[in-house]
Protein backbone atom coordinates (compact mmCIF):
# COMPACT_ATOMS: atom_id res chain seq x y z
CA MET A 1 117.25 -2.62 30.52
CA SER A 2 113.90 -3.09 28.17
CA GLU A 3 112.26 -0.02 26.06
CA ILE A 4 108.93 1.13 26.68
CA THR A 5 106.92 1.26 23.90
CA ARG A 6 103.73 3.42 24.81
CA VAL A 7 101.17 3.83 21.81
CA TYR A 8 98.12 6.93 22.44
CA TYR A 9 94.93 5.53 21.38
CA ASN A 10 93.26 8.01 22.37
CA LYS A 11 89.70 6.34 21.96
CA LEU A 12 86.73 5.26 23.47
CA ILE A 13 87.66 1.51 24.29
CA ARG A 14 85.27 -2.03 25.38
CA ASP A 15 84.89 -2.41 29.45
CA ASN A 16 87.56 -5.84 29.18
CA VAL A 17 89.68 -3.75 26.97
CA PRO A 18 91.96 -2.75 30.17
CA ASP A 19 91.63 -6.42 31.17
CA MET A 20 92.93 -8.12 28.49
CA ILE A 21 95.93 -6.08 27.54
CA HIS A 22 96.69 -6.84 31.11
CA ALA A 23 96.81 -9.64 30.93
CA LYS A 24 98.59 -10.42 28.25
CA ARG A 25 101.04 -7.73 31.26
CA GLU A 26 101.62 -5.18 29.19
CA ALA A 27 100.30 -1.73 31.54
CA CYS A 28 97.79 0.65 29.98
CA GLU A 29 96.02 4.13 30.85
CA VAL A 30 92.57 4.81 30.18
CA ARG A 31 90.03 7.54 31.48
CA GLN A 32 85.98 7.36 32.57
CA ILE A 33 83.98 9.73 30.48
CA THR A 34 81.92 10.62 32.88
CA ASP A 35 80.02 13.78 30.49
CA VAL A 36 77.15 12.71 28.54
CA GLN A 37 77.44 14.93 26.01
CA GLU A 38 81.72 13.75 25.46
CA PHE A 39 80.40 10.21 25.75
CA GLN A 40 77.78 10.43 22.21
CA GLN A 41 80.57 12.04 20.61
CA GLU A 42 83.35 8.69 21.73
CA LEU A 43 80.33 7.07 19.87
CA PHE A 44 79.61 8.18 16.88
CA LYS A 45 83.33 8.78 16.17
CA LYS A 46 84.02 5.25 17.09
CA ILE A 47 81.08 4.03 14.07
CA LYS A 48 83.03 5.53 11.53
CA GLU A 49 86.16 3.40 13.45
CA GLU A 50 83.48 0.66 12.90
CA ALA A 51 82.06 0.78 9.15
CA ASN A 52 86.34 1.46 8.03
CA SER A 53 87.16 -1.92 9.83
CA LEU A 54 83.37 -3.87 7.94
CA ALA A 55 84.91 -2.50 4.92
CA MET A 56 87.75 -3.98 5.03
CA VAL A 57 86.52 -7.66 5.51
CA ARG A 58 87.38 -10.55 3.78
CA THR A 59 85.41 -13.31 4.85
CA LYS A 60 82.40 -14.14 6.74
CA GLU A 61 84.18 -14.62 9.92
CA GLU A 62 85.51 -11.50 9.91
CA PHE A 63 82.70 -9.06 8.52
CA LEU A 64 80.26 -11.02 11.56
CA ALA A 65 82.47 -9.73 14.08
CA GLU A 66 83.35 -6.54 12.82
CA TYR A 67 79.85 -5.96 12.34
CA ALA A 68 78.66 -7.27 16.38
CA ASP A 69 81.07 -4.20 17.03
CA LEU A 70 79.57 -2.40 14.72
CA MET A 71 76.05 -2.64 16.20
CA MET A 72 77.34 -2.57 19.73
CA VAL A 73 77.55 1.24 18.51
CA PHE A 74 74.74 1.83 17.71
CA ASP A 75 73.44 -0.01 20.50
CA THR A 76 74.77 2.22 23.15
CA ILE A 77 73.19 5.43 21.05
CA MET A 78 69.87 3.98 21.08
CA GLY A 79 70.18 3.21 24.45
CA GLN A 80 71.41 6.66 25.47
CA LEU A 81 69.29 9.04 22.86
CA GLU A 82 66.07 6.40 24.53
CA ILE A 83 65.83 5.01 20.72
CA THR A 84 63.27 1.37 20.26
CA PRO A 85 63.85 -1.77 18.25
CA GLU A 86 60.31 -0.81 16.57
CA GLU A 87 61.45 3.38 16.17
CA VAL A 88 64.56 1.14 14.00
CA ALA A 89 61.86 -0.64 12.28
CA ALA A 90 60.06 1.81 11.33
CA ALA A 91 62.84 4.18 10.08
CA ARG A 92 63.74 1.35 8.79
CA ASN A 93 60.67 0.34 6.37
CA GLU A 94 59.70 4.61 6.40
CA ASN A 95 63.28 4.13 3.73
CA LEU A 96 63.13 1.73 1.89
CA LEU A 97 59.72 3.20 0.47
CA LYS A 98 61.17 6.08 0.24
CA LYS A 99 64.25 4.91 -1.74
CA GLY A 100 64.07 1.48 -2.77
CA GLY A 101 66.52 -1.52 -1.62
CA PHE A 102 69.69 -2.60 -3.30
CA LYS A 103 67.28 -5.65 -5.09
CA HIS A 104 68.50 -4.57 -8.07
CA GLN A 105 71.92 -3.54 -7.65
CA TYR A 106 72.37 -0.57 -9.77
CA TYR A 107 75.68 1.80 -9.73
CA LEU A 108 74.83 5.35 -10.59
CA LEU A 109 77.74 6.34 -13.09
CA TRP A 110 76.00 10.31 -13.23
CA SER A 111 72.84 12.35 -13.41
CA GLU A 112 71.77 15.80 -14.44
CA ASP A 113 69.98 16.10 -10.83
CA VAL A 114 72.26 18.75 -9.51
CA GLY A 115 69.31 20.37 -6.68
CA TYR A 116 70.55 16.58 -4.87
CA GLU A 117 72.89 16.73 -2.23
CA SER A 118 74.84 14.10 -1.23
CA ASN A 119 76.05 13.33 2.36
CA GLU A 120 79.62 11.62 0.93
CA SER A 121 82.20 13.79 -0.75
CA PRO A 122 82.45 14.55 -4.51
CA GLN A 123 83.79 12.05 -6.26
CA GLY A 124 84.12 15.20 -8.95
CA ILE A 125 82.94 18.15 -10.36
CA PRO A 126 79.51 19.43 -12.07
CA LEU A 127 79.08 20.21 -15.52
């Protein structure tokens, strides 16, 4: 008798994943999310998962696959929030005008701007 091993994921998955699992003659259990807020929460968790995967790529092909996964999540959220591509383009342009791009490839070593609040985890203690 073979031992059945279950791996618990507890995460949002794409529509075809259950069929892909069954095609390998493996079993799975899924539930459909019916609450809009829960679905949105799971989408935002998915952004982090997909962005982490994108950060680990080492080839152009891997980049394209992971980028497509991340964009699918963004597109779904945009649809849920009724955000148009034009609104995204306007926000990107405003962001570019305010912060600039990455043309100069600057890497910030330090700053005396103690009033700035970053959305990143700190890498040191202010002196």
